[in-house]
Amino acid sequence: MRLYLSSYKLGDNPEELFNLAGKNKHVGIIFNAGDFDTQEERLIRLEKNIKNLKLLGFTAEEIDLRKYFGKTDLLKIFLLKFGIIWVKGGNIFLLKRAFEQSGFDKIIHEMLDKDLVVYAGESAGSVIAGPSLEGLDIVDNAKDVPKGYLAQFSMIGLNLISYMIAPHHKSDHPESSSVEKLVKYFKNKNIPHQPLRDGEVIIVSGSKEKKICRK
């Protein structure tokens, strides 16, 4: 299993993702945590991310999970073209709904078990790799549901790691103050967690795990 879990964007050492990826440098970008954005805002974000990834030696395109709601078999085939799946930040509860309605949450486990892909996440994309979504309503609104999404969802995370990630810890980010409350909640509930400052990344490759600290 290969994981690249970042607090913000690609972190301070994006070359680590390049090395982790292996031969297939084609990236699929998932923006569904930001499906409250307008289509124009989404396209601007997509173009910017594709450009930045190209500078690092990657090619990229979007994976819009909304197109695969109820079409898990088609999504499974589509995902095979990617060497990296990069899950962007936003509302984690919306992201979880998209994972469930498309079947991505099941497919990614199969792909990781076969070492077919790197799961890379930023902010909510990293947090959802943990065992649960408990306490995350401190940061994100669980009740906002855009058109096409179901109200109900599971509070179970992807369970790719055994602890919760708290991104934007002590960082210059709009959510940093809320994240400090989240960290306090984790401590009070004795929930295993790892705070990450913006720029920091956790990398998992097989049985090895390391944290790349901020420059």
C-alpha atoms as a PDB file:
ATOM      1  CA  MET A   1       0.000   0.000   0.000  1.00  0.00           C
ATOM      2  CA  ARG A   2       1.261   3.447  -0.964  1.00  0.00           C
ATOM      3  CA  LEU A   3      -0.190   6.578   0.658  1.00  0.00           C
ATOM      4  CA  TYR A   4       0.740  10.248   0.431  1.00  0.00           C
ATOM      5  CA  LEU A   5      -1.229  12.226   3.020  1.00  0.00           C
ATOM      6  CA  SER A   6      -0.726  15.984   3.025  1.00  0.00           C
ATOM      7  CA  SER A   7      -2.082  18.815   5.132  1.00  0.00           C
ATOM      8  CA  TYR A   8      -2.171  21.342   2.287  1.00  0.00           C
ATOM      9  CA  LYS A   9      -1.632  20.879  -1.437  1.00  0.00           C
ATOM     10  CA  LEU A  10       1.392  18.675  -2.196  1.00  0.00           C
ATOM     11  CA  GLY A  11       3.355  19.813   0.841  1.00  0.00           C
ATOM     12  CA  ASP A  12       6.897  21.158   0.891  1.00  0.00           C
ATOM     13  CA  ASN A  13       8.480  18.108  -0.756  1.00  0.00           C
ATOM     14  CA  PRO A  14       6.389  17.132  -3.820  1.00  0.00           C
ATOM     15  CA  GLU A  15       9.342  15.157  -5.214  1.00  0.00           C
ATOM     16  CA  GLU A  16       8.468  12.529  -2.596  1.00  0.00           C
ATOM     17  CA  LEU A  17       5.189  11.864  -4.435  1.00  0.00           C
ATOM     18  CA  PHE A  18       7.036  11.625  -7.754  1.00  0.00           C
ATOM     19  CA  ASN A  19       9.347   8.970  -6.307  1.00  0.00           C
ATOM     20  CA  LEU A  20       6.471   7.085  -4.648  1.00  0.00           C
ATOM     21  CA  ALA A  21       4.479   6.885  -7.874  1.00  0.00           C
ATOM     22  CA  GLY A  22       6.693   4.548  -9.870  1.00  0.00           C
ATOM     23  CA  LYS A  23       6.385   4.462 -13.667  1.00  0.00           C
ATOM     24  CA  ASN A  24       2.774   5.597 -14.046  1.00  0.00           C
ATOM     25  CA  LYS A  25       2.788   9.371 -13.498  1.00  0.00           C
ATOM     26  CA  HIS A  26      -0.815   9.965 -14.638  1.00  0.00           C
ATOM     27  CA  VAL A  27      -2.846  11.595 -11.861  1.00  0.00           C
ATOM     28  CA  GLY A  28      -6.610  11.462 -11.374  1.00  0.00           C
ATOM     29  CA  ILE A  29      -7.831  14.456  -9.365  1.00  0.00           C
ATOM     30  CA  ILE A  30     -10.968  14.175  -7.231  1.00  0.00           C
ATOM     31  CA  PHE A  31     -12.603  17.526  -6.410  1.00  0.00           C
ATOM     32  CA  ASN A  32     -15.883  16.194  -5.015  1.00  0.00           C
ATOM     33  CA  ALA A  33     -15.232  17.540  -1.516  1.00  0.00           C
ATOM     34  CA  GLY A  34     -15.727  20.944  -3.171  1.00  0.00           C
ATOM     35  CA  ASP A  35     -18.959  20.241  -5.029  1.00  0.00           C
ATOM     36  CA  PHE A  36     -20.504  23.354  -3.504  1.00  0.00           C
ATOM     37  CA  ASP A  37     -18.331  25.348  -5.962  1.00  0.00           C
ATOM     38  CA  THR A  38     -19.707  26.624  -9.262  1.00  0.00           C
ATOM     39  CA  GLN A  39     -18.649  24.894 -12.484  1.00  0.00           C
ATOM     40  CA  GLU A  40     -16.537  27.930 -13.362  1.00  0.00           C
ATOM     41  CA  GLU A  41     -14.705  27.772 -10.023  1.00  0.00           C
ATOM     42  CA  ARG A  42     -14.190  24.045 -10.490  1.00  0.00           C
ATOM     43  CA  LEU A  43     -12.648  24.486 -13.951  1.00  0.00           C
ATOM     44  CA  ILE A  44     -10.269  27.169 -12.663  1.00  0.00           C
ATOM     45  CA  ARG A  45      -9.117  24.839  -9.874  1.00  0.00           C
ATOM     46  CA  LEU A  46      -8.726  21.945 -12.312  1.00  0.00           C
ATOM     47  CA  GLU A  47      -6.637  23.931 -14.796  1.00  0.00           C
ATOM     48  CA  LYS A  48      -4.416  25.274 -12.012  1.00  0.00           C
ATOM     49  CA  ASN A  49      -3.827  21.818 -10.535  1.00  0.00           C
ATOM     50  CA  ILE A  50      -3.101  20.216 -13.913  1.00  0.00           C
ATOM     51  CA  LYS A  51      -0.592  22.982 -14.679  1.00  0.00           C
ATOM     52  CA  ASN A  52       1.158  22.603 -11.310  1.00  0.00           C
ATOM     53  CA  LEU A  53       1.347  18.821 -11.643  1.00  0.00           C
ATOM     54  CA  LYS A  54       2.763  19.140 -15.163  1.00  0.00           C
ATOM     55  CA  LEU A  55       5.613  21.247 -13.779  1.00  0.00           C
ATOM     56  CA  LEU A  56       6.456  18.351 -11.472  1.00  0.00           C
ATOM     57  CA  GLY A  57       6.517  15.794 -14.296  1.00  0.00           C
ATOM     58  CA  PHE A  58       2.948  14.471 -14.035  1.00  0.00           C
ATOM     59  CA  THR A  59       0.002  14.395 -16.408  1.00  0.00           C
ATOM     60  CA  ALA A  60      -3.468  14.774 -14.918  1.00  0.00           C
ATOM     61  CA  GLU A  61      -7.204  14.811 -15.485  1.00  0.00           C
ATOM     62  CA  GLU A  62     -10.300  15.007 -13.296  1.00  0.00           C
ATOM     63  CA  ILE A  63     -12.184  12.077 -11.792  1.00  0.00           C
ATOM     64  CA  ASP A  64     -15.691  13.435 -11.155  1.00  0.00           C
ATOM     65  CA  LEU A  65     -17.288  10.797  -8.936  1.00  0.00           C
ATOM     66  CA  ARG A  66     -20.757  12.242  -9.566  1.00  0.00           C
ATOM     67  CA  LYS A  67     -20.633  10.712 -13.047  1.00  0.00           C
ATOM     68  CA  TYR A  68     -20.298   7.279 -11.454  1.00  0.00           C
ATOM     69  CA  PHE A  69     -23.016   7.361  -8.801  1.00  0.00           C
ATOM     70  CA  GLY A  70     -24.549   3.902  -9.034  1.00  0.00           C
ATOM     71  CA  LYS A  71     -21.999   2.909 -11.701  1.00  0.00           C
ATOM     72  CA  THR A  72     -19.252   1.309  -9.636  1.00  0.00           C
ATOM     73  CA  ASP A  73     -18.214  -1.158 -12.345  1.00  0.00           C
ATOM     74  CA  LEU A  74     -17.565   1.653 -14.825  1.00  0.00           C
ATOM     75  CA  LEU A  75     -15.602   3.632 -12.239  1.00  0.00           C
ATOM     76  CA  LYS A  76     -13.449   0.601 -11.472  1.00  0.00           C
ATOM     77  CA  ILE A  77     -12.447   0.347 -15.132  1.00  0.00           C
ATOM     78  CA  PHE A  78     -11.815   4.099 -15.465  1.00  0.00           C
ATOM     79  CA  LEU A  79      -9.525   4.222 -12.409  1.00  0.00           C
ATOM     80  CA  LEU A  80      -7.142   1.630 -13.835  1.00  0.00           C
ATOM     81  CA  LYS A  81      -5.505   4.270 -16.042  1.00  0.00           C
ATOM     82  CA  PHE A  82      -4.107   6.221 -13.093  1.00  0.00           C
ATOM     83  CA  GLY A  83      -0.894   5.750 -11.149  1.00  0.00           C
ATOM     84  CA  ILE A  84      -1.976   8.288  -8.532  1.00  0.00           C
ATOM     85  CA  ILE A  85      -5.407   9.290  -7.282  1.00  0.00           C
ATOM     86  CA  TRP A  86      -5.197  12.746  -5.718  1.00  0.00           C
ATOM     87  CA  VAL A  87      -8.150  13.588  -3.449  1.00  0.00           C
ATOM     88  CA  LYS A  88      -8.463  17.312  -2.822  1.00  0.00           C
ATOM     89  CA  GLY A  89      -9.757  19.077   0.277  1.00  0.00           C
ATOM     90  CA  GLY A  90     -13.148  20.558   1.096  1.00  0.00           C
ATOM     91  CA  ASN A  91     -16.102  19.194   3.022  1.00  0.00           C
ATOM     92  CA  ILE A  92     -15.214  15.731   4.310  1.00  0.00           C
ATOM     93  CA  PHE A  93     -18.844  14.654   4.739  1.00  0.00           C
ATOM     94  CA  LEU A  94     -19.589  15.525   1.121  1.00  0.00           C
ATOM     95  CA  LEU A  95     -16.490  13.596   0.087  1.00  0.00           C
ATOM     96  CA  LYS A  96     -17.636  10.550   2.059  1.00  0.00           C
ATOM     97  CA  ARG A  97     -21.029  10.679   0.343  1.00  0.00           C
ATOM     98  CA  ALA A  98     -19.318  10.777  -3.059  1.00  0.00           C
ATOM     99  CA  PHE A  99     -17.111   7.820  -2.131  1.00  0.00           C
ATOM    100  CA  GLU A 100     -20.083   5.735  -1.053  1.00  0.00           C
ATOM    101  CA  GLN A 101     -22.445   6.630  -3.890  1.00  0.00           C
ATOM    102  CA  SER A 102     -19.810   5.852  -6.525  1.00  0.00           C
ATOM    103  CA  GLY A 103     -18.297   2.832  -4.782  1.00  0.00           C
ATOM    104  CA  PHE A 104     -14.873   4.496  -4.706  1.00  0.00           C
ATOM    105  CA  ASP A 105     -14.443   3.562  -1.036  1.00  0.00           C
ATOM    106  CA  LYS A 106     -14.468  -0.132  -1.968  1.00  0.00           C
ATOM    107  CA  ILE A 107     -12.503   0.164  -5.221  1.00  0.00           C
ATOM    108  CA  ILE A 108      -9.591   2.040  -3.663  1.00  0.00           C
ATOM    109  CA  HIS A 109      -9.043  -0.753  -1.138  1.00  0.00           C
ATOM    110  CA  GLU A 110      -8.827  -3.311  -3.934  1.00  0.00           C
ATOM    111  CA  MET A 111      -6.393  -1.168  -5.917  1.00  0.00           C
ATOM    112  CA  LEU A 112      -4.170  -0.480  -2.925  1.00  0.00           C
ATOM    113  CA  ASP A 113      -4.123  -4.134  -1.916  1.00  0.00           C
ATOM    114  CA  LYS A 114      -2.844  -4.976  -5.426  1.00  0.00           C
ATOM    115  CA  ASP A 115      -0.422  -2.016  -5.359  1.00  0.00           C
ATOM    116  CA  LEU A 116      -1.971  -0.593  -8.534  1.00  0.00           C
ATOM    117  CA  VAL A 117      -2.077   3.024  -7.393  1.00  0.00           C
ATOM    118  CA  VAL A 118      -0.930   5.645  -4.905  1.00  0.00           C
ATOM    119  CA  TYR A 119      -3.706   7.137  -2.784  1.00  0.00           C
ATOM    120  CA  ALA A 120      -2.783  10.783  -2.260  1.00  0.00           C
ATOM    121  CA  GLY A 121      -4.884  13.189  -0.233  1.00  0.00           C
ATOM    122  CA  GLU A 122      -4.904  16.810   0.818  1.00  0.00           C
ATOM    123  CA  SER A 123      -6.731  18.070   3.924  1.00  0.00           C
ATOM    124  CA  ALA A 124     -10.130  16.269   3.829  1.00  0.00           C
ATOM    125  CA  GLY A 125      -8.622  13.822   1.344  1.00  0.00           C
ATOM    126  CA  SER A 126      -6.064  12.873   4.003  1.00  0.00           C
ATOM    127  CA  VAL A 127      -8.436  12.917   6.964  1.00  0.00           C
ATOM    128  CA  ILE A 128     -10.835  10.465   5.307  1.00  0.00           C
ATOM    129  CA  ALA A 129      -7.991   7.917   5.134  1.00  0.00           C
ATOM    130  CA  GLY A 130      -8.417   7.444   8.903  1.00  0.00           C
ATOM    131  CA  PRO A 131     -10.783   5.093  10.733  1.00  0.00           C
ATOM    132  CA  SER A 132     -13.658   7.485  11.431  1.00  0.00           C
ATOM    133  CA  LEU A 133     -15.256  10.875  10.805  1.00  0.00           C
ATOM    134  CA  GLU A 134     -15.974  11.377  14.506  1.00  0.00           C
ATOM    135  CA  GLY A 135     -15.558  14.967  15.667  1.00  0.00           C
ATOM    136  CA  LEU A 136     -15.116  16.393  12.196  1.00  0.00           C
ATOM    137  CA  ASP A 137     -18.363  18.337  12.424  1.00  0.00           C
ATOM    138  CA  ILE A 138     -16.228  20.743  14.478  1.00  0.00           C
ATOM    139  CA  VAL A 139     -14.606  21.742  11.183  1.00  0.00           C
ATOM    140  CA  ASP A 140     -17.134  20.876   8.447  1.00  0.00           C
ATOM    141  CA  ASN A 141     -20.917  21.045   8.101  1.00  0.00           C
ATOM    142  CA  ALA A 142     -22.387  17.548   7.776  1.00  0.00           C
ATOM    143  CA  LYS A 143     -25.891  18.742   6.882  1.00  0.00           C
ATOM    144  CA  ASP A 144     -25.291  20.631   3.621  1.00  0.00           C
ATOM    145  CA  VAL A 145     -26.265  18.307   0.767  1.00  0.00           C
ATOM    146  CA  PRO A 146     -25.967  19.433  -2.888  1.00  0.00           C
ATOM    147  CA  LYS A 147     -28.250  18.174  -5.629  1.00  0.00           C
ATOM    148  CA  GLY A 148     -27.590  14.562  -6.565  1.00  0.00           C
ATOM    149  CA  TYR A 149     -26.289  13.563  -3.159  1.00  0.00           C
ATOM    150  CA  LEU A 150     -27.999  11.401  -0.548  1.00  0.00           C
ATOM    151  CA  ALA A 151     -28.465  12.755   2.961  1.00  0.00           C
ATOM    152  CA  GLN A 152     -27.365   9.567   4.691  1.00  0.00           C
ATOM    153  CA  PHE A 153     -23.754   8.370   4.848  1.00  0.00           C
ATOM    154  CA  SER A 154     -21.540   6.231   7.074  1.00  0.00           C
ATOM    155  CA  MET A 155     -19.226   7.801   9.659  1.00  0.00           C
ATOM    156  CA  ILE A 156     -16.587   5.154   8.984  1.00  0.00           C
ATOM    157  CA  GLY A 157     -13.443   6.391   7.231  1.00  0.00           C
ATOM    158  CA  LEU A 158     -11.410   4.509   4.640  1.00  0.00           C
ATOM    159  CA  ASN A 159      -9.420   2.892   7.467  1.00  0.00           C
ATOM    160  CA  LEU A 160      -6.165   3.041   5.514  1.00  0.00           C
ATOM    161  CA  ILE A 161      -4.383   4.259   8.641  1.00  0.00           C
ATOM    162  CA  SER A 162      -5.155   3.569  12.313  1.00  0.00           C
ATOM    163  CA  TYR A 163      -5.301   7.188  13.513  1.00  0.00           C
ATOM    164  CA  MET A 164      -6.974  10.481  12.660  1.00  0.00           C
ATOM    165  CA  ILE A 165      -5.167  13.261  10.811  1.00  0.00           C
ATOM    166  CA  ALA A 166      -5.726  16.855  11.924  1.00  0.00           C
ATOM    167  CA  PRO A 167      -4.583  19.068   8.999  1.00  0.00           C
ATOM    168  CA  HIS A 168      -3.745  22.798   9.065  1.00  0.00           C
ATOM    169  CA  HIS A 169      -2.460  22.449  12.654  1.00  0.00           C
ATOM    170  CA  LYS A 170      -0.894  25.724  13.831  1.00  0.00           C
ATOM    171  CA  SER A 171      -0.839  27.014  10.248  1.00  0.00           C
ATOM    172  CA  ASP A 172      -1.850  30.148   8.394  1.00  0.00           C
ATOM    173  CA  HIS A 173      -5.097  28.614   7.154  1.00  0.00           C
ATOM    174  CA  PRO A 174      -8.757  29.701   7.624  1.00  0.00           C
ATOM    175  CA  GLU A 175      -9.594  26.377   9.324  1.00  0.00           C
ATOM    176  CA  SER A 176      -6.635  26.342  11.735  1.00  0.00           C
ATOM    177  CA  SER A 177      -8.593  27.660  14.726  1.00  0.00           C
ATOM    178  CA  SER A 178     -11.294  25.009  14.221  1.00  0.00           C
ATOM    179  CA  VAL A 179      -8.625  22.332  13.864  1.00  0.00           C
ATOM    180  CA  GLU A 180      -7.185  23.268  17.264  1.00  0.00           C
ATOM    181  CA  LYS A 181     -10.625  22.541  18.740  1.00  0.00           C
ATOM    182  CA  LEU A 182     -10.625  19.242  16.853  1.00  0.00           C
ATOM    183  CA  VAL A 183      -7.219  18.292  18.294  1.00  0.00           C
ATOM    184  CA  LYS A 184      -8.501  19.090  21.770  1.00  0.00           C
ATOM    185  CA  TYR A 185     -11.536  16.872  21.108  1.00  0.00           C
ATOM    186  CA  PHE A 186      -9.301  13.989  20.015  1.00  0.00           C
ATOM    187  CA  LYS A 187      -7.181  14.376  23.148  1.00  0.00           C
ATOM    188  CA  ASN A 188     -10.202  14.474  25.464  1.00  0.00           C
ATOM    189  CA  LYS A 189     -11.671  11.369  23.811  1.00  0.00           C
ATOM    190  CA  ASN A 190      -8.306   9.545  23.729  1.00  0.00           C
ATOM    191  CA  ILE A 191      -8.620   9.182  19.959  1.00  0.00           C
ATOM    192  CA  PRO A 192      -5.274   8.401  18.270  1.00  0.00           C
ATOM    193  CA  HIS A 193      -4.405  11.315  16.006  1.00  0.00           C
ATOM    194  CA  GLN A 194      -1.585  13.035  14.160  1.00  0.00           C
ATOM    195  CA  PRO A 195      -1.663  16.822  13.730  1.00  0.00           C
ATOM    196  CA  LEU A 196      -0.096  18.052  10.495  1.00  0.00           C
ATOM    197  CA  ARG A 197       1.042  21.584   9.808  1.00  0.00           C
ATOM    198  CA  ASP A 198       0.682  22.905   6.263  1.00  0.00           C
ATOM    199  CA  GLY A 199       3.693  21.693   4.303  1.00  0.00           C
ATOM    200  CA  GLU A 200       3.907  18.400   6.202  1.00  0.00           C
ATOM    201  CA  VAL A 201       3.145  14.987   4.729  1.00  0.00           C
ATOM    202  CA  ILE A 202       2.785  11.399   5.936  1.00  0.00           C
ATOM    203  CA  ILE A 203       4.068   8.794   3.481  1.00  0.00           C
ATOM    204  CA  VAL A 204       3.296   5.083   3.666  1.00  0.00           C
ATOM    205  CA  SER A 205       5.050   2.584   1.403  1.00  0.00           C
ATOM    206  CA  GLY A 206       4.327  -1.018   2.289  1.00  0.00           C
ATOM    207  CA  SER A 207       5.158  -1.498   5.971  1.00  0.00           C
ATOM    208  CA  LYS A 208       7.197   1.714   6.153  1.00  0.00           C
ATOM    209  CA  GLU A 209       5.750   5.035   7.300  1.00  0.00           C
ATOM    210  CA  LYS A 210       7.451   8.406   7.635  1.00  0.00           C
ATOM    211  CA  LYS A 211       6.477  11.983   8.321  1.00  0.00           C
ATOM    212  CA  ILE A 212       8.011  14.717   6.213  1.00  0.00           C
ATOM    213  CA  CYS A 213       8.154  17.804   8.419  1.00  0.00           C
ATOM    214  CA  ARG A 214       7.732  21.364   7.248  1.00  0.00           C
ATOM    215  CA  LYS A 215      10.809  23.120   5.861  1.00  0.00           C
END
